[in-house]
Amino acid sequence: MYSYLKKRQSLNLFTIHLVPHRIKKNKTSIITTYQIRYKINLKKLNLLKMTDGTYCIKTNLPQQHNEYFIVSSYRQRRKVESSFHYLKGFVEIRPFYHQKEERIKGHITVCILAYLIQITTEYLLKKAGINISFQEFISKIQQKRAVDLEIENIRKKDVKLPVLSQNIKKLLSAIGINNENGLFEK
């Protein structure tokens, strides 16, 4: 019980006493049971209620930024962290341990650019009235791939593009890829 309350950081809210009760089973054995008696420390509980849901943000930004900007930036931090986590899993490559500063900066730049592509795609899809995630978008469009064709005896090379379904055309059109140059049919 102590570890349970300590884990939840509420041990100091209670005063706990174990009251023993001894029962004689026979002349030689005594069974001891305990009753837990507790009292809630109302003074500490009321003090906690006053700060419940309140947190403090410390920043090194100049004072010209108002509190709304600071709070919204803090809330977006979690979105950026989850995006980096997603990108690390989405790319499906083994971890790289960079030693040189320019490689670290390059890696971070690629991650930020990939994130920019992701949020821009999600924004354009939402603007077009298509409510799917970036992951769903990628899984739908990656089903179609172009094929390089090469016929040696007549020395002809060509790229064969698959026929795209209307759903995929709609998704690509929503992000600005359209059929102006005959990309969808060849």
C-alpha atoms as a PDB file:
ATOM      1  CA  MET A   1       0.000   0.000   0.000  1.00  0.00           C
ATOM      2  CA  TYR A   2       2.832   2.396   0.845  1.00  0.00           C
ATOM      3  CA  SER A   3       4.512   1.716  -2.473  1.00  0.00           C
ATOM      4  CA  TYR A   4       1.177   2.249  -4.292  1.00  0.00           C
ATOM      5  CA  LEU A   5       0.673   5.674  -2.678  1.00  0.00           C
ATOM      6  CA  LYS A   6       4.330   6.604  -3.095  1.00  0.00           C
ATOM      7  CA  LYS A   7       4.243   5.699  -6.783  1.00  0.00           C
ATOM      8  CA  ARG A   8       1.288   8.044  -7.252  1.00  0.00           C
ATOM      9  CA  GLN A   9       2.971  10.734  -5.140  1.00  0.00           C
ATOM     10  CA  SER A  10       0.103  10.831  -2.679  1.00  0.00           C
ATOM     11  CA  LEU A  11       1.684   9.256   0.388  1.00  0.00           C
ATOM     12  CA  ASN A  12       1.831  12.592   2.210  1.00  0.00           C
ATOM     13  CA  LEU A  13      -1.950  13.063   1.845  1.00  0.00           C
ATOM     14  CA  PHE A  14      -2.688  10.304   4.349  1.00  0.00           C
ATOM     15  CA  THR A  15      -1.802   9.465   7.902  1.00  0.00           C
ATOM     16  CA  ILE A  16      -1.907   5.686   8.102  1.00  0.00           C
ATOM     17  CA  HIS A  17      -1.911   3.470  11.197  1.00  0.00           C
ATOM     18  CA  LEU A  18      -1.980  -0.285  11.403  1.00  0.00           C
ATOM     19  CA  VAL A  19      -3.994  -1.429  14.397  1.00  0.00           C
ATOM     20  CA  PRO A  20      -3.180  -5.001  15.446  1.00  0.00           C
ATOM     21  CA  HIS A  21      -5.895  -7.394  16.591  1.00  0.00           C
ATOM     22  CA  ARG A  22      -4.697 -10.516  18.324  1.00  0.00           C
ATOM     23  CA  ILE A  23      -6.864 -13.567  18.436  1.00  0.00           C
ATOM     24  CA  LYS A  24      -5.966 -16.605  20.533  1.00  0.00           C
ATOM     25  CA  LYS A  25      -6.563 -19.728  18.525  1.00  0.00           C
ATOM     26  CA  ASN A  26      -5.505 -22.014  21.326  1.00  0.00           C
ATOM     27  CA  LYS A  27      -3.203 -21.810  24.311  1.00  0.00           C
ATOM     28  CA  THR A  28      -0.014 -21.837  22.224  1.00  0.00           C
ATOM     29  CA  SER A  29      -0.833 -19.938  19.033  1.00  0.00           C
ATOM     30  CA  ILE A  30      -1.956 -16.377  18.547  1.00  0.00           C
ATOM     31  CA  ILE A  31      -3.195 -15.033  15.223  1.00  0.00           C
ATOM     32  CA  THR A  32      -2.554 -11.358  14.603  1.00  0.00           C
ATOM     33  CA  THR A  33      -4.567  -9.430  12.038  1.00  0.00           C
ATOM     34  CA  TYR A  34      -4.260  -5.773  11.238  1.00  0.00           C
ATOM     35  CA  GLN A  35      -6.810  -3.128  10.512  1.00  0.00           C
ATOM     36  CA  ILE A  36      -5.775  -0.163   8.406  1.00  0.00           C
ATOM     37  CA  ARG A  37      -6.899   3.177   9.776  1.00  0.00           C
ATOM     38  CA  TYR A  38      -6.220   6.292   7.814  1.00  0.00           C
ATOM     39  CA  LYS A  39      -6.927   9.954   8.014  1.00  0.00           C
ATOM     40  CA  ILE A  40      -6.862  12.319   5.039  1.00  0.00           C
ATOM     41  CA  ASN A  41      -4.695  15.389   5.490  1.00  0.00           C
ATOM     42  CA  LEU A  42      -7.267  17.970   4.310  1.00  0.00           C
ATOM     43  CA  LYS A  43      -4.835  20.865   4.553  1.00  0.00           C
ATOM     44  CA  LYS A  44      -2.455  19.273   2.020  1.00  0.00           C
ATOM     45  CA  LEU A  45      -5.347  18.068  -0.141  1.00  0.00           C
ATOM     46  CA  ASN A  46      -6.814  21.577  -0.388  1.00  0.00           C
ATOM     47  CA  LEU A  47      -3.372  22.969  -1.207  1.00  0.00           C
ATOM     48  CA  LEU A  48      -3.055  20.450  -4.057  1.00  0.00           C
ATOM     49  CA  LYS A  49      -6.547  21.311  -5.336  1.00  0.00           C
ATOM     50  CA  MET A  50      -5.449  24.923  -5.746  1.00  0.00           C
ATOM     51  CA  THR A  51      -2.643  23.917  -8.125  1.00  0.00           C
ATOM     52  CA  ASP A  52      -4.403  20.998  -9.833  1.00  0.00           C
ATOM     53  CA  GLY A  53      -4.090  21.323 -13.601  1.00  0.00           C
ATOM     54  CA  THR A  54      -1.524  24.114 -13.309  1.00  0.00           C
ATOM     55  CA  TYR A  55       1.971  23.848 -14.696  1.00  0.00           C
ATOM     56  CA  CYS A  56       4.884  26.187 -15.153  1.00  0.00           C
ATOM     57  CA  ILE A  57       6.808  26.762 -18.370  1.00  0.00           C
ATOM     58  CA  LYS A  58      10.310  28.166 -18.154  1.00  0.00           C
ATOM     59  CA  THR A  59      11.702  29.642 -21.348  1.00  0.00           C
ATOM     60  CA  ASN A  60      14.751  31.456 -22.608  1.00  0.00           C
ATOM     61  CA  LEU A  61      12.771  33.326 -25.275  1.00  0.00           C
ATOM     62  CA  PRO A  62      12.930  37.136 -25.223  1.00  0.00           C
ATOM     63  CA  GLN A  63      10.193  38.868 -23.227  1.00  0.00           C
ATOM     64  CA  GLN A  64       8.677  40.274 -26.421  1.00  0.00           C
ATOM     65  CA  HIS A  65       6.830  36.954 -26.872  1.00  0.00           C
ATOM     66  CA  ASN A  66       3.517  36.839 -25.030  1.00  0.00           C
ATOM     67  CA  GLU A  67       2.285  33.938 -22.925  1.00  0.00           C
ATOM     68  CA  TYR A  68      -0.063  32.657 -25.660  1.00  0.00           C
ATOM     69  CA  PHE A  69       2.840  32.229 -28.071  1.00  0.00           C
ATOM     70  CA  ILE A  70       4.908  30.424 -25.438  1.00  0.00           C
ATOM     71  CA  VAL A  71       2.091  28.046 -24.457  1.00  0.00           C
ATOM     72  CA  SER A  72       1.212  27.238 -28.088  1.00  0.00           C
ATOM     73  CA  SER A  73       4.899  26.604 -28.863  1.00  0.00           C
ATOM     74  CA  TYR A  74       5.129  24.283 -25.882  1.00  0.00           C
ATOM     75  CA  ARG A  75       2.050  22.364 -27.015  1.00  0.00           C
ATOM     76  CA  GLN A  76       3.455  22.000 -30.529  1.00  0.00           C
ATOM     77  CA  ARG A  77       6.634  20.502 -29.049  1.00  0.00           C
ATOM     78  CA  ARG A  78       4.794  17.236 -28.458  1.00  0.00           C
ATOM     79  CA  LYS A  79       3.611  17.206 -32.069  1.00  0.00           C
ATOM     80  CA  VAL A  80       7.191  17.652 -33.293  1.00  0.00           C
ATOM     81  CA  GLU A  81       8.447  14.897 -30.979  1.00  0.00           C
ATOM     82  CA  SER A  82       5.775  12.474 -32.170  1.00  0.00           C
ATOM     83  CA  SER A  83       6.589  13.399 -35.778  1.00  0.00           C
ATOM     84  CA  PHE A  84      10.280  12.582 -35.279  1.00  0.00           C
ATOM     85  CA  HIS A  85       9.244   9.307 -33.649  1.00  0.00           C
ATOM     86  CA  TYR A  86       6.972   8.558 -36.601  1.00  0.00           C
ATOM     87  CA  LEU A  87       9.659   9.447 -39.150  1.00  0.00           C
ATOM     88  CA  LYS A  88      12.190   7.178 -37.474  1.00  0.00           C
ATOM     89  CA  GLY A  89       9.747   4.283 -37.750  1.00  0.00           C
ATOM     90  CA  PHE A  90       8.325   5.182 -41.166  1.00  0.00           C
ATOM     91  CA  VAL A  91      11.678   5.260 -42.936  1.00  0.00           C
ATOM     92  CA  GLU A  92      12.437   1.747 -41.596  1.00  0.00           C
ATOM     93  CA  ILE A  93      16.197   2.068 -41.598  1.00  0.00           C
ATOM     94  CA  ARG A  94      18.629   0.931 -38.997  1.00  0.00           C
ATOM     95  CA  PRO A  95      19.848   3.555 -36.527  1.00  0.00           C
ATOM     96  CA  PHE A  96      22.706   5.767 -37.628  1.00  0.00           C
ATOM     97  CA  TYR A  97      25.149   7.102 -35.099  1.00  0.00           C
ATOM     98  CA  HIS A  98      26.685  10.227 -36.593  1.00  0.00           C
ATOM     99  CA  GLN A  99      29.958  11.569 -35.287  1.00  0.00           C
ATOM    100  CA  LYS A 100      30.512  14.625 -37.479  1.00  0.00           C
ATOM    101  CA  GLU A 101      28.514  17.784 -36.904  1.00  0.00           C
ATOM    102  CA  GLU A 102      27.669  18.298 -40.595  1.00  0.00           C
ATOM    103  CA  ARG A 103      26.208  14.786 -40.802  1.00  0.00           C
ATOM    104  CA  ILE A 104      24.078  15.388 -37.710  1.00  0.00           C
ATOM    105  CA  LYS A 105      22.819  18.652 -39.209  1.00  0.00           C
ATOM    106  CA  GLY A 106      22.156  16.912 -42.524  1.00  0.00           C
ATOM    107  CA  HIS A 107      20.193  14.137 -40.813  1.00  0.00           C
ATOM    108  CA  ILE A 108      18.085  16.653 -38.884  1.00  0.00           C
ATOM    109  CA  THR A 109      17.489  18.670 -42.073  1.00  0.00           C
ATOM    110  CA  VAL A 110      16.250  15.575 -43.919  1.00  0.00           C
ATOM    111  CA  CYS A 111      13.926  14.731 -41.016  1.00  0.00           C
ATOM    112  CA  ILE A 112      12.530  18.271 -40.947  1.00  0.00           C
ATOM    113  CA  LEU A 113      12.003  18.261 -44.721  1.00  0.00           C
ATOM    114  CA  ALA A 114      10.234  14.894 -44.493  1.00  0.00           C
ATOM    115  CA  TYR A 115       8.038  16.277 -41.730  1.00  0.00           C
ATOM    116  CA  LEU A 116       7.303  19.349 -43.862  1.00  0.00           C
ATOM    117  CA  ILE A 117       6.193  17.086 -46.718  1.00  0.00           C
ATOM    118  CA  GLN A 118       4.001  15.131 -44.308  1.00  0.00           C
ATOM    119  CA  ILE A 119       2.184  18.114 -42.799  1.00  0.00           C
ATOM    120  CA  THR A 120       1.831  19.834 -46.182  1.00  0.00           C
ATOM    121  CA  THR A 121       0.291  16.680 -47.650  1.00  0.00           C
ATOM    122  CA  GLU A 122      -2.096  16.359 -44.687  1.00  0.00           C
ATOM    123  CA  TYR A 123      -3.044  20.037 -45.024  1.00  0.00           C
ATOM    124  CA  LEU A 124      -3.726  19.754 -48.774  1.00  0.00           C
ATOM    125  CA  LEU A 125      -5.752  16.578 -48.314  1.00  0.00           C
ATOM    126  CA  LYS A 126      -7.829  18.172 -45.569  1.00  0.00           C
ATOM    127  CA  LYS A 127      -8.325  21.293 -47.697  1.00  0.00           C
ATOM    128  CA  ALA A 128      -9.658  19.057 -50.507  1.00  0.00           C
ATOM    129  CA  GLY A 129     -12.088  17.418 -48.072  1.00  0.00           C
ATOM    130  CA  ILE A 130     -10.177  14.130 -47.824  1.00  0.00           C
ATOM    131  CA  ASN A 131      -9.844  13.161 -44.175  1.00  0.00           C
ATOM    132  CA  ILE A 132      -7.101  10.535 -44.118  1.00  0.00           C
ATOM    133  CA  SER A 133      -3.751  10.463 -42.392  1.00  0.00           C
ATOM    134  CA  PHE A 134      -0.425  10.715 -44.175  1.00  0.00           C
ATOM    135  CA  GLN A 135       0.217   7.039 -43.462  1.00  0.00           C
ATOM    136  CA  GLU A 136      -3.063   6.075 -45.150  1.00  0.00           C
ATOM    137  CA  PHE A 137      -2.219   8.328 -48.110  1.00  0.00           C
ATOM    138  CA  ILE A 138       1.175   6.681 -48.562  1.00  0.00           C
ATOM    139  CA  SER A 139      -0.250   3.157 -48.283  1.00  0.00           C
ATOM    140  CA  LYS A 140      -2.852   3.929 -50.959  1.00  0.00           C
ATOM    141  CA  ILE A 141      -0.513   5.520 -53.506  1.00  0.00           C
ATOM    142  CA  GLN A 142       2.451   3.178 -53.041  1.00  0.00           C
ATOM    143  CA  GLN A 143       0.436   0.286 -54.450  1.00  0.00           C
ATOM    144  CA  LYS A 144       1.157   1.566 -57.964  1.00  0.00           C
ATOM    145  CA  ARG A 145       4.689   1.571 -59.342  1.00  0.00           C
ATOM    146  CA  ALA A 146       6.227   2.335 -62.712  1.00  0.00           C
ATOM    147  CA  VAL A 147       8.090  -0.396 -64.581  1.00  0.00           C
ATOM    148  CA  ASP A 148      11.210   0.066 -66.725  1.00  0.00           C
ATOM    149  CA  LEU A 149      10.888  -1.864 -69.974  1.00  0.00           C
ATOM    150  CA  GLU A 150      13.834  -2.740 -72.160  1.00  0.00           C
ATOM    151  CA  ILE A 151      13.627  -4.855 -75.294  1.00  0.00           C
ATOM    152  CA  GLU A 152      17.189  -5.662 -76.338  1.00  0.00           C
ATOM    153  CA  ASN A 153      16.722  -7.028 -79.854  1.00  0.00           C
ATOM    154  CA  ILE A 154      15.005  -3.810 -81.022  1.00  0.00           C
ATOM    155  CA  ARG A 155      16.909  -1.574 -78.570  1.00  0.00           C
ATOM    156  CA  LYS A 156      13.829   0.070 -77.179  1.00  0.00           C
ATOM    157  CA  LYS A 157      13.574   1.435 -73.664  1.00  0.00           C
ATOM    158  CA  ASP A 158      10.411   2.785 -72.113  1.00  0.00           C
ATOM    159  CA  VAL A 159       8.761   3.390 -68.789  1.00  0.00           C
ATOM    160  CA  LYS A 160       5.383   1.751 -68.361  1.00  0.00           C
ATOM    161  CA  LEU A 161       3.137   3.578 -65.944  1.00  0.00           C
ATOM    162  CA  PRO A 162       0.242   1.655 -64.451  1.00  0.00           C
ATOM    163  CA  VAL A 163      -3.331   2.750 -64.967  1.00  0.00           C
ATOM    164  CA  LEU A 164      -4.320   4.612 -61.849  1.00  0.00           C
ATOM    165  CA  SER A 165      -7.706   4.238 -60.250  1.00  0.00           C
ATOM    166  CA  GLN A 166      -9.988   7.231 -59.808  1.00  0.00           C
ATOM    167  CA  ASN A 167      -9.342   7.166 -56.032  1.00  0.00           C
ATOM    168  CA  ILE A 168      -5.588   7.478 -56.493  1.00  0.00           C
ATOM    169  CA  LYS A 169      -6.035  10.200 -59.143  1.00  0.00           C
ATOM    170  CA  LYS A 170      -8.220  12.112 -56.675  1.00  0.00           C
ATOM    171  CA  LEU A 171      -5.586  11.802 -53.927  1.00  0.00           C
ATOM    172  CA  LEU A 172      -2.758  12.933 -56.203  1.00  0.00           C
ATOM    173  CA  SER A 173      -4.859  15.787 -57.580  1.00  0.00           C
ATOM    174  CA  ALA A 174      -5.576  16.958 -54.017  1.00  0.00           C
ATOM    175  CA  ILE A 175      -1.856  17.485 -53.390  1.00  0.00           C
ATOM    176  CA  GLY A 176      -1.286  19.209 -56.731  1.00  0.00           C
ATOM    177  CA  ILE A 177      -0.171  16.310 -58.944  1.00  0.00           C
ATOM    178  CA  ASN A 178      -2.444  16.376 -61.951  1.00  0.00           C
ATOM    179  CA  ASN A 179      -2.656  14.946 -65.456  1.00  0.00           C
ATOM    180  CA  GLU A 180      -1.538  18.024 -67.420  1.00  0.00           C
ATOM    181  CA  ASN A 181       1.407  16.189 -68.979  1.00  0.00           C
ATOM    182  CA  GLY A 182      -0.351  12.843 -69.427  1.00  0.00           C
ATOM    183  CA  LEU A 183       1.355  11.351 -66.398  1.00  0.00           C
ATOM    184  CA  PHE A 184      -1.581   9.151 -65.453  1.00  0.00           C
ATOM    185  CA  GLU A 185      -2.072   7.485 -68.841  1.00  0.00           C
ATOM    186  CA  LYS A 186       0.606   6.450 -71.294  1.00  0.00           C
END
